[in-house]
C-alpha atoms as a PDB file:
ATOM      1  CA  MET A   1     186.455  77.054 -14.771  1.00  0.00           C
ATOM      2  CA  ASN A   2     189.581  78.695 -13.588  1.00  0.00           C
ATOM      3  CA  PRO A   3     191.134  77.100 -10.663  1.00  0.00           C
ATOM      4  CA  ARG A   4     189.492  79.253  -7.734  1.00  0.00           C
ATOM      5  CA  PHE A   5     191.436  79.814  -4.136  1.00  0.00           C
ATOM      6  CA  PHE A   6     189.970  81.556  -0.575  1.00  0.00           C
ATOM      7  CA  CYS A   7     191.415  83.945   0.815  1.00  0.00           C
ATOM      8  CA  PRO A   8     190.424  84.332   4.345  1.00  0.00           C
ATOM      9  CA  ASP A   9     192.269  87.727   5.058  1.00  0.00           C
ATOM     10  CA  GLY A  10     190.693  90.128   2.224  1.00  0.00           C
ATOM     11  CA  LEU A  11     191.086  90.818  -1.504  1.00  0.00           C
ATOM     12  CA  VAL A  12     192.116  94.070  -2.454  1.00  0.00           C
ATOM     13  CA  PRO A  13     190.664  94.148  -5.734  1.00  0.00           C
ATOM     14  CA  ASP A  14     192.658  96.202  -8.727  1.00  0.00           C
ATOM     15  CA  SER A  15     195.764  95.222  -7.324  1.00  0.00           C
ATOM     16  CA  ASP A  16     198.682  92.987  -6.939  1.00  0.00           C
ATOM     17  CA  MET A  17     198.045  91.161  -3.444  1.00  0.00           C
ATOM     18  CA  PRO A  18     200.772  88.547  -2.045  1.00  0.00           C
ATOM     19  CA  LEU A  19     199.011  85.245  -2.185  1.00  0.00           C
ATOM     20  CA  PRO A  20     198.438  83.574   1.363  1.00  0.00           C
ATOM     21  CA  ALA A  21     201.049  80.523   1.692  1.00  0.00           C
ATOM     22  CA  ALA A  22     198.733  77.758   1.793  1.00  0.00           C
ATOM     23  CA  VAL A  23     197.166  78.860  -1.459  1.00  0.00           C
ATOM     24  CA  ALA A  24     200.864  79.232  -3.021  1.00  0.00           C
ATOM     25  CA  HIS A  25     201.741  76.150  -2.025  1.00  0.00           C
ATOM     26  CA  HIS A  26     198.287  74.394  -3.348  1.00  0.00           C
ATOM     27  CA  ALA A  27     198.513  76.167  -7.077  1.00  0.00           C
ATOM     28  CA  GLU A  28     202.265  75.853  -7.842  1.00  0.00           C
ATOM     29  CA  ARG A  29     203.065  72.245  -5.758  1.00  0.00           C
ATOM     30  CA  VAL A  30     199.564  70.605  -5.838  1.00  0.00           C
ATOM     31  CA  LEU A  31     197.957  72.098  -9.421  1.00  0.00           C
ATOM     32  CA  ARG A  32     201.277  72.917 -10.712  1.00  0.00           C
ATOM     33  CA  LEU A  33     199.943  76.089 -11.861  1.00  0.00           C
ATOM     34  CA  ALA A  34     202.464  79.126 -13.105  1.00  0.00           C
ATOM     35  CA  VAL A  35     203.285  82.663 -13.769  1.00  0.00           C
ATOM     36  CA  GLY A  36     200.477  84.120 -16.249  1.00  0.00           C
ATOM     37  CA  ASP A  37     198.167  81.298 -15.204  1.00  0.00           C
ATOM     38  CA  ALA A  38     194.042  82.910 -14.787  1.00  0.00           C
ATOM     39  CA  VAL A  39     192.855  82.208 -10.924  1.00  0.00           C
ATOM     40  CA  THR A  40     189.624  83.105  -9.138  1.00  0.00           C
ATOM     41  CA  LEU A  41     190.168  84.399  -5.693  1.00  0.00           C
ATOM     42  CA  PHE A  42     187.324  84.789  -2.845  1.00  0.00           C
ATOM     43  CA  ASP A  43     187.535  85.849   0.591  1.00  0.00           C
ATOM     44  CA  GLY A  44     184.141  84.954   1.952  1.00  0.00           C
ATOM     45  CA  ARG A  45     182.429  87.963   2.195  1.00  0.00           C
ATOM     46  CA  GLY A  46     180.714  87.740  -1.943  1.00  0.00           C
ATOM     47  CA  GLY A  47     181.717  88.260  -4.524  1.00  0.00           C
ATOM     48  CA  GLU A  48     184.816  87.087  -6.168  1.00  0.00           C
ATOM     49  CA  CYS A  49     188.146  88.268  -8.342  1.00  0.00           C
ATOM     50  CA  ALA A  50     189.451  87.193 -11.640  1.00  0.00           C
ATOM     51  CA  ALA A  51     193.195  87.112 -11.019  1.00  0.00           C
ATOM     52  CA  THR A  52     196.439  86.297 -12.495  1.00  0.00           C
ATOM     53  CA  LEU A  53     199.584  84.649 -11.405  1.00  0.00           C
ATOM     54  CA  VAL A  54     202.473  86.891 -11.565  1.00  0.00           C
ATOM     55  CA  ALA A  55     204.775  85.781  -9.235  1.00  0.00           C
ATOM     56  CA  LEU A  56     205.324  82.550  -7.459  1.00  0.00           C
ATOM     57  CA  GLY A  57     208.088  80.934  -5.132  1.00  0.00           C
ATOM     58  CA  LYS A  58     209.182  82.737  -2.303  1.00  0.00           C
ATOM     59  CA  GLN A  59     207.180  85.964  -3.038  1.00  0.00           C
ATOM     60  CA  PRO A  60     203.533  84.716  -4.518  1.00  0.00           C
ATOM     61  CA  LEU A  61     201.965  87.277  -6.008  1.00  0.00           C
ATOM     62  CA  ALA A  62     198.958  87.954  -7.951  1.00  0.00           C
ATOM     63  CA  ARG A  63     197.541  90.592 -10.043  1.00  0.00           C
ATOM     64  CA  LEU A  64     193.574  90.949  -9.273  1.00  0.00           C
ATOM     65  CA  GLY A  65     190.763  92.689 -11.397  1.00  0.00           C
ATOM     66  CA  PRO A  66     187.696  94.036  -9.712  1.00  0.00           C
ATOM     67  CA  ARG A  67     185.321  92.470  -7.384  1.00  0.00           C
ATOM     68  CA  LEU A  68     183.012  91.083  -9.143  1.00  0.00           C
ATOM     69  CA  ASN A  69     179.311  90.414  -7.575  1.00  0.00           C
ATOM     70  CA  ALA A  70     179.397  86.997  -8.693  1.00  0.00           C
ATOM     71  CA  GLU A  71     176.618  85.061  -5.804  1.00  0.00           C
ATOM     72  CA  ARG A  72     175.661  81.157  -5.364  1.00  0.00           C
ATOM     73  CA  GLU A  73     174.062  80.705  -2.716  1.00  0.00           C
ATOM     74  CA  SER A  74     170.762  79.363  -2.217  1.00  0.00           C
ATOM     75  CA  PRO A  75     167.648  81.570  -1.058  1.00  0.00           C
ATOM     76  CA  LEU A  76     166.873  78.763   1.748  1.00  0.00           C
ATOM     77  CA  ALA A  77     169.532  78.801   4.461  1.00  0.00           C
ATOM     78  CA  ILE A  78     169.827  75.148   5.516  1.00  0.00           C
ATOM     79  CA  THR A  79     171.292  74.294   8.502  1.00  0.00           C
ATOM     80  CA  LEU A  80     172.275  70.683   8.657  1.00  0.00           C
ATOM     81  CA  VAL A  81     172.521  68.982  11.949  1.00  0.00           C
ATOM     82  CA  GLN A  82     174.381  66.167  12.063  1.00  0.00           C
ATOM     83  CA  ALA A  83     174.699  63.792  14.851  1.00  0.00           C
ATOM     84  CA  LEU A  84     178.547  62.390  15.081  1.00  0.00           C
ATOM     85  CA  ALA A  85     179.588  59.801  12.679  1.00  0.00           C
ATOM     86  CA  SER A  86     182.691  57.841  12.202  1.00  0.00           C
ATOM     87  CA  ALA A  87     185.606  59.870  10.399  1.00  0.00           C
ATOM     88  CA  ASP A  88     185.276  59.305   7.324  1.00  0.00           C
ATOM     89  CA  LYS A  89     181.638  59.859   6.816  1.00  0.00           C
ATOM     90  CA  MET A  90     181.617  62.923   8.795  1.00  0.00           C
ATOM     91  CA  ASP A  91     184.330  64.327   5.940  1.00  0.00           C
ATOM     92  CA  TRP A  92     182.096  62.826   2.865  1.00  0.00           C
ATOM     93  CA  VAL A  93     178.441  64.366   4.708  1.00  0.00           C
ATOM     94  CA  VAL A  94     180.443  67.833   5.293  1.00  0.00           C
ATOM     95  CA  GLN A  95     181.766  67.925   1.921  1.00  0.00           C
ATOM     96  CA  LYS A  96     178.570  66.855  -0.023  1.00  0.00           C
ATOM     97  CA  ALA A  97     176.426  69.155   2.088  1.00  0.00           C
ATOM     98  CA  VAL A  98     178.805  72.030   0.991  1.00  0.00           C
ATOM     99  CA  GLU A  99     178.461  71.535  -2.419  1.00  0.00           C
ATOM    100  CA  LEU A 100     174.339  71.127  -2.267  1.00  0.00           C
ATOM    101  CA  GLY A 101     174.330  74.237  -0.723  1.00  0.00           C
ATOM    102  CA  VAL A 102     173.603  74.372   2.974  1.00  0.00           C
ATOM    103  CA  ALA A 103     174.083  77.419   4.744  1.00  0.00           C
ATOM    104  CA  ALA A 104     175.342  75.967   7.862  1.00  0.00           C
ATOM    105  CA  ILE A 105     176.616  72.896   9.634  1.00  0.00           C
ATOM    106  CA  GLN A 106     175.883  72.103  13.350  1.00  0.00           C
ATOM    107  CA  PRO A 107     177.955  68.713  14.578  1.00  0.00           C
ATOM    108  CA  VAL A 108     175.657  67.127  17.526  1.00  0.00           C
ATOM    109  CA  ALA A 109     176.940  64.125  20.092  1.00  0.00           C
ATOM    110  CA  ALA A 110     174.064  61.919  19.897  1.00  0.00           C
ATOM    111  CA  GLU A 111     173.678  58.850  22.520  1.00  0.00           C
ATOM    112  CA  ARG A 112     174.346  55.779  19.611  1.00  0.00           C
ATOM    113  CA  SER A 113     177.385  58.113  18.148  1.00  0.00           C
ATOM    114  CA  VAL A 114     180.166  56.399  17.390  1.00  0.00           C
ATOM    115  CA  LEU A 115     182.705  58.472  17.022  1.00  0.00           C
ATOM    116  CA  LYS A 116     183.163  60.195  20.178  1.00  0.00           C
ATOM    117  CA  LEU A 117     185.268  63.601  20.675  1.00  0.00           C
ATOM    118  CA  SER A 118     185.795  66.310  23.106  1.00  0.00           C
ATOM    119  CA  GLY A 119     188.655  68.447  24.026  1.00  0.00           C
ATOM    120  CA  ASP A 120     191.874  69.101  21.543  1.00  0.00           C
ATOM    121  CA  ARG A 121     190.301  66.346  19.427  1.00  0.00           C
ATOM    122  CA  ALA A 122     187.162  68.108  19.296  1.00  0.00           C
ATOM    123  CA  ASP A 123     188.701  71.352  18.480  1.00  0.00           C
ATOM    124  CA  LYS A 124     190.923  69.620  15.717  1.00  0.00           C
ATOM    125  CA  ARG A 125     188.939  67.667  13.963  1.00  0.00           C
ATOM    126  CA  ARG A 126     186.396  70.762  13.906  1.00  0.00           C
ATOM    127  CA  ALA A 127     189.064  72.790  11.790  1.00  0.00           C
ATOM    128  CA  HIS A 128     189.643  69.741   9.379  1.00  0.00           C
ATOM    129  CA  TRP A 129     185.889  69.665   9.087  1.00  0.00           C
ATOM    130  CA  GLN A 130     185.915  73.675   8.272  1.00  0.00           C
ATOM    131  CA  GLN A 131     188.894  73.180   5.706  1.00  0.00           C
ATOM    132  CA  ILE A 132     187.183  70.317   3.872  1.00  0.00           C
ATOM    133  CA  ALA A 133     184.331  73.007   3.642  1.00  0.00           C
ATOM    134  CA  VAL A 134     186.669  75.826   2.350  1.00  0.00           C
ATOM    135  CA  SER A 135     188.038  73.245  -0.531  1.00  0.00           C
ATOM    136  CA  ALA A 136     183.925  72.342  -1.151  1.00  0.00           C
ATOM    137  CA  CYS A 137     183.605  76.125  -2.091  1.00  0.00           C
ATOM    138  CA  GLU A 138     186.377  76.490  -4.226  1.00  0.00           C
ATOM    139  CA  GLN A 139     185.069  73.430  -5.868  1.00  0.00           C
ATOM    140  CA  SER A 140     181.872  74.196  -6.269  1.00  0.00           C
ATOM    141  CA  GLY A 141     181.568  77.925  -7.082  1.00  0.00           C
ATOM    142  CA  ARG A 142     180.440  79.358  -3.611  1.00  0.00           C
ATOM    143  CA  ASN A 143     181.847  82.554  -2.302  1.00  0.00           C
ATOM    144  CA  ARG A 144     180.527  82.397   1.214  1.00  0.00           C
ATOM    145  CA  VAL A 145     182.206  79.406   3.555  1.00  0.00           C
ATOM    146  CA  PRO A 146     179.234  77.641   5.585  1.00  0.00           C
ATOM    147  CA  GLU A 147     180.525  77.276   9.290  1.00  0.00           C
ATOM    148  CA  VAL A 148     181.222  74.126  10.711  1.00  0.00           C
ATOM    149  CA  ALA A 149     179.874  74.924  14.397  1.00  0.00           C
ATOM    150  CA  GLU A 150     181.282  73.750  17.521  1.00  0.00           C
ATOM    151  CA  ILE A 151     180.226  70.551  18.506  1.00  0.00           C
ATOM    152  CA  LEU A 152     177.329  70.225  21.148  1.00  0.00           C
ATOM    153  CA  PRO A 153     175.792  67.508  22.864  1.00  0.00           C
ATOM    154  CA  LEU A 154     172.017  67.204  21.058  1.00  0.00           C
ATOM    155  CA  ALA A 155     170.313  68.869  24.369  1.00  0.00           C
ATOM    156  CA  LYS A 156     172.560  71.790  24.366  1.00  0.00           C
ATOM    157  CA  TYR A 157     171.812  72.178  20.664  1.00  0.00           C
ATOM    158  CA  LEU A 158     167.964  71.818  21.054  1.00  0.00           C
ATOM    159  CA  ALA A 159     168.064  74.423  23.969  1.00  0.00           C
ATOM    160  CA  GLN A 160     169.310  77.139  21.801  1.00  0.00           C
ATOM    161  CA  ASP A 161     167.061  79.562  19.819  1.00  0.00           C
ATOM    162  CA  PHE A 162     166.417  78.871  15.978  1.00  0.00           C
ATOM    163  CA  ALA A 163     164.253  81.201  14.126  1.00  0.00           C
ATOM    164  CA  GLY A 164     163.167  78.628  11.680  1.00  0.00           C
ATOM    165  CA  THR A 165     161.996  75.858  11.182  1.00  0.00           C
ATOM    166  CA  ARG A 166     163.235  72.624  12.638  1.00  0.00           C
ATOM    167  CA  MET A 167     162.778  68.958  11.467  1.00  0.00           C
ATOM    168  CA  ILE A 168     164.104  65.488  12.519  1.00  0.00           C
ATOM    169  CA  LEU A 169     164.546  62.690  10.182  1.00  0.00           C
ATOM    170  CA  ALA A 170     163.053  59.466  11.879  1.00  0.00           C
ATOM    171  CA  PRO A 171     162.308  56.446   9.815  1.00  0.00           C
ATOM    172  CA  GLY A 172     158.665  55.664  10.387  1.00  0.00           C
ATOM    173  CA  ALA A 173     157.386  59.372  11.000  1.00  0.00           C
ATOM    174  CA  GLU A 174     154.315  60.279   9.112  1.00  0.00           C
ATOM    175  CA  GLY A 175     155.392  63.747   8.153  1.00  0.00           C
ATOM    176  CA  ALA A 176     156.769  63.903   4.516  1.00  0.00           C
ATOM    177  CA  LEU A 177     158.747  66.561   2.905  1.00  0.00           C
ATOM    178  CA  ALA A 178     156.513  67.342  -0.180  1.00  0.00           C
ATOM    179  CA  ARG A 179     153.187  67.892   1.963  1.00  0.00           C
ATOM    180  CA  LYS A 180     155.267  70.322   4.293  1.00  0.00           C
ATOM    181  CA  PRO A 181     154.520  73.786   3.315  1.00  0.00           C
ATOM    182  CA  ARG A 182     156.967  76.548   2.217  1.00  0.00           C
ATOM    183  CA  PRO A 183     159.362  77.154   5.232  1.00  0.00           C
ATOM    184  CA  ALA A 184     158.912  81.225   6.040  1.00  0.00           C
ATOM    185  CA  GLY A 185     162.559  81.237   7.159  1.00  0.00           C
ATOM    186  CA  PRO A 186     165.716  79.138   7.773  1.00  0.00           C
ATOM    187  CA  VAL A 187     165.317  75.164   8.253  1.00  0.00           C
ATOM    188  CA  ALA A 188     167.385  72.628  10.233  1.00  0.00           C
ATOM    189  CA  ILE A 189     167.446  68.937   9.367  1.00  0.00           C
ATOM    190  CA  LEU A 190     168.612  67.069  12.328  1.00  0.00           C
ATOM    191  CA  ILE A 191     170.065  63.828  11.355  1.00  0.00           C
ATOM    192  CA  GLY A 192     170.708  60.766  13.316  1.00  0.00           C
ATOM    193  CA  PRO A 193     174.239  58.683  13.865  1.00  0.00           C
ATOM    194  CA  GLU A 194     174.602  55.404  12.695  1.00  0.00           C
ATOM    195  CA  GLY A 195     172.409  53.255  15.110  1.00  0.00           C
ATOM    196  CA  GLY A 196     169.784  56.210  14.858  1.00  0.00           C
ATOM    197  CA  TRP A 197     168.468  58.539  17.751  1.00  0.00           C
ATOM    198  CA  SER A 198     167.210  56.703  20.960  1.00  0.00           C
ATOM    199  CA  PRO A 199     163.423  57.463  22.064  1.00  0.00           C
ATOM    200  CA  ALA A 200     164.597  59.923  25.002  1.00  0.00           C
ATOM    201  CA  GLU A 201     166.064  62.232  21.894  1.00  0.00           C
ATOM    202  CA  LEU A 202     163.518  61.980  19.814  1.00  0.00           C
ATOM    203  CA  ALA A 203     161.269  62.751  22.852  1.00  0.00           C
ATOM    204  CA  LEU A 204     163.565  65.496  23.486  1.00  0.00           C
ATOM    205  CA  ALA A 205     163.267  66.797  20.037  1.00  0.00           C
ATOM    206  CA  ASP A 206     159.493  66.910  20.196  1.00  0.00           C
ATOM    207  CA  ARG A 207     159.434  68.575  22.972  1.00  0.00           C
ATOM    208  CA  ALA A 208     161.706  71.185  21.247  1.00  0.00           C
ATOM    209  CA  GLY A 209     159.383  71.573  18.490  1.00  0.00           C
ATOM    210  CA  CYS A 210     160.818  69.632  16.160  1.00  0.00           C
ATOM    211  CA  GLU A 211     158.960  68.145  13.046  1.00  0.00           C
ATOM    212  CA  PRO A 212     159.005  64.296  12.553  1.00  0.00           C
ATOM    213  CA  LEU A 213     159.978  63.847   8.929  1.00  0.00           C
ATOM    214  CA  ALA A 214     160.308  60.635   6.814  1.00  0.00           C
ATOM    215  CA  LEU A 215     161.962  60.113   3.355  1.00  0.00           C
ATOM    216  CA  GLY A 216     160.301  57.475   1.649  1.00  0.00           C
ATOM    217  CA  PRO A 217     159.771  53.824   2.705  1.00  0.00           C
ATOM    218  CA  ARG A 218     163.452  52.970   3.113  1.00  0.00           C
ATOM    219  CA  VAL A 219     165.991  53.613   5.770  1.00  0.00           C
ATOM    220  CA  LEU A 220     168.734  55.353   5.237  1.00  0.00           C
ATOM    221  CA  ARG A 221     172.095  55.445   6.173  1.00  0.00           C
ATOM    222  CA  THR A 222     173.331  58.484   8.303  1.00  0.00           C
ATOM    223  CA  GLU A 223     175.678  59.711   5.268  1.00  0.00           C
ATOM    224  CA  THR A 224     172.886  59.390   2.637  1.00  0.00           C
ATOM    225  CA  ALA A 225     169.890  60.905   4.916  1.00  0.00           C
ATOM    226  CA  GLY A 226     171.000  64.443   5.324  1.00  0.00           C
ATOM    227  CA  LEU A 227     172.392  64.566   1.741  1.00  0.00           C
ATOM    228  CA  ALA A 228     168.635  63.578   0.256  1.00  0.00           C
ATOM    229  CA  ALA A 229     167.182  65.373   2.549  1.00  0.00           C
ATOM    230  CA  ILE A 230     169.223  68.516   1.486  1.00  0.00           C
ATOM    231  CA  ALA A 231     168.571  67.630  -2.202  1.00  0.00           C
ATOM    232  CA  ALA A 232     164.826  66.992  -2.042  1.00  0.00           C
ATOM    233  CA  MET A 233     164.274  70.807   0.097  1.00  0.00           C
ATOM    234  CA  GLN A 234     166.643  72.614  -2.882  1.00  0.00           C
ATOM    235  CA  THR A 235     164.162  70.708  -5.233  1.00  0.00           C
ATOM    236  CA  LEU A 236     161.100  72.073  -3.875  1.00  0.00           C
ATOM    237  CA  TRP A 237     162.435  75.349  -2.179  1.00  0.00           C
ATOM    238  CA  GLY A 238     165.860  76.135  -2.857  1.00  0.00           C
ATOM    239  CA  ASP A 239     167.644  76.608  -5.881  1.00  0.00           C
ATOM    240  CA  PHE A 240     167.681  73.634  -8.166  1.00  0.00           C
ATOM    241  CA  PRO A 241     166.116  73.999 -11.169  1.00  0.00           C
ATOM    242  CA  GLY A 242     163.151  71.552 -12.622  1.00  0.00           C
ATOM    243  CA  ASP A 243     159.547  71.272 -13.353  1.00  0.00           C
ATOM    244  CA  LEU A 244     158.301  68.641 -10.538  1.00  0.00           C
ATOM    245  CA  ASP A 245     155.036  68.864  -9.968  1.00  0.00           C
ATOM    246  CA  VAL A 246     154.853  67.964  -6.128  1.00  0.00           C
END
């Protein structure tokens, strides 16, 4: 696969287009690409363009071909609602969730969250996670970048309307994923922090209509639980091929 780069300001197919400074720097200084090398560019609006680097340095330029109708999005729109965990764990979860095909990531502040963020620190951390999502799309071949939403308190998130099915992972819950019917629309999966959801949060989620969910007999870490749930959903209802009889 050719190196892939996200150009958020849009593409101009069948033309010579200046490259964004960050893209040019990564191509030339990090990947050591040279004039004449083939790359793939995408702008998040769907599809992509095969391109060739025709100039680097102070005026980086790429020669684009036609926009190719390449879509690699899952038919199942999954929102990962991840309670704030320590910074390195959140980075890992965002990266892998995007690779697994989530449509959006909603960070929430939970009672037992180790990571506490507000104000400028919250904005900077969200921007950092969004860039991780971009890099994960570049690596995995996705042409639409999932949004990492503004950090919300759990109660505020649950007060929002959601046109789909909400599930909350809770050890000991009786709901098994394989026995649930295929969702008719989008699905959100709520994952607790390192210390788990508090009883008050579980009660709040229940009143908001979240379906309790367990993933097998073991208690999973926060950085494992969401990714395991996403992979299972993609296998049952999404775009992971297989012949599992479930």
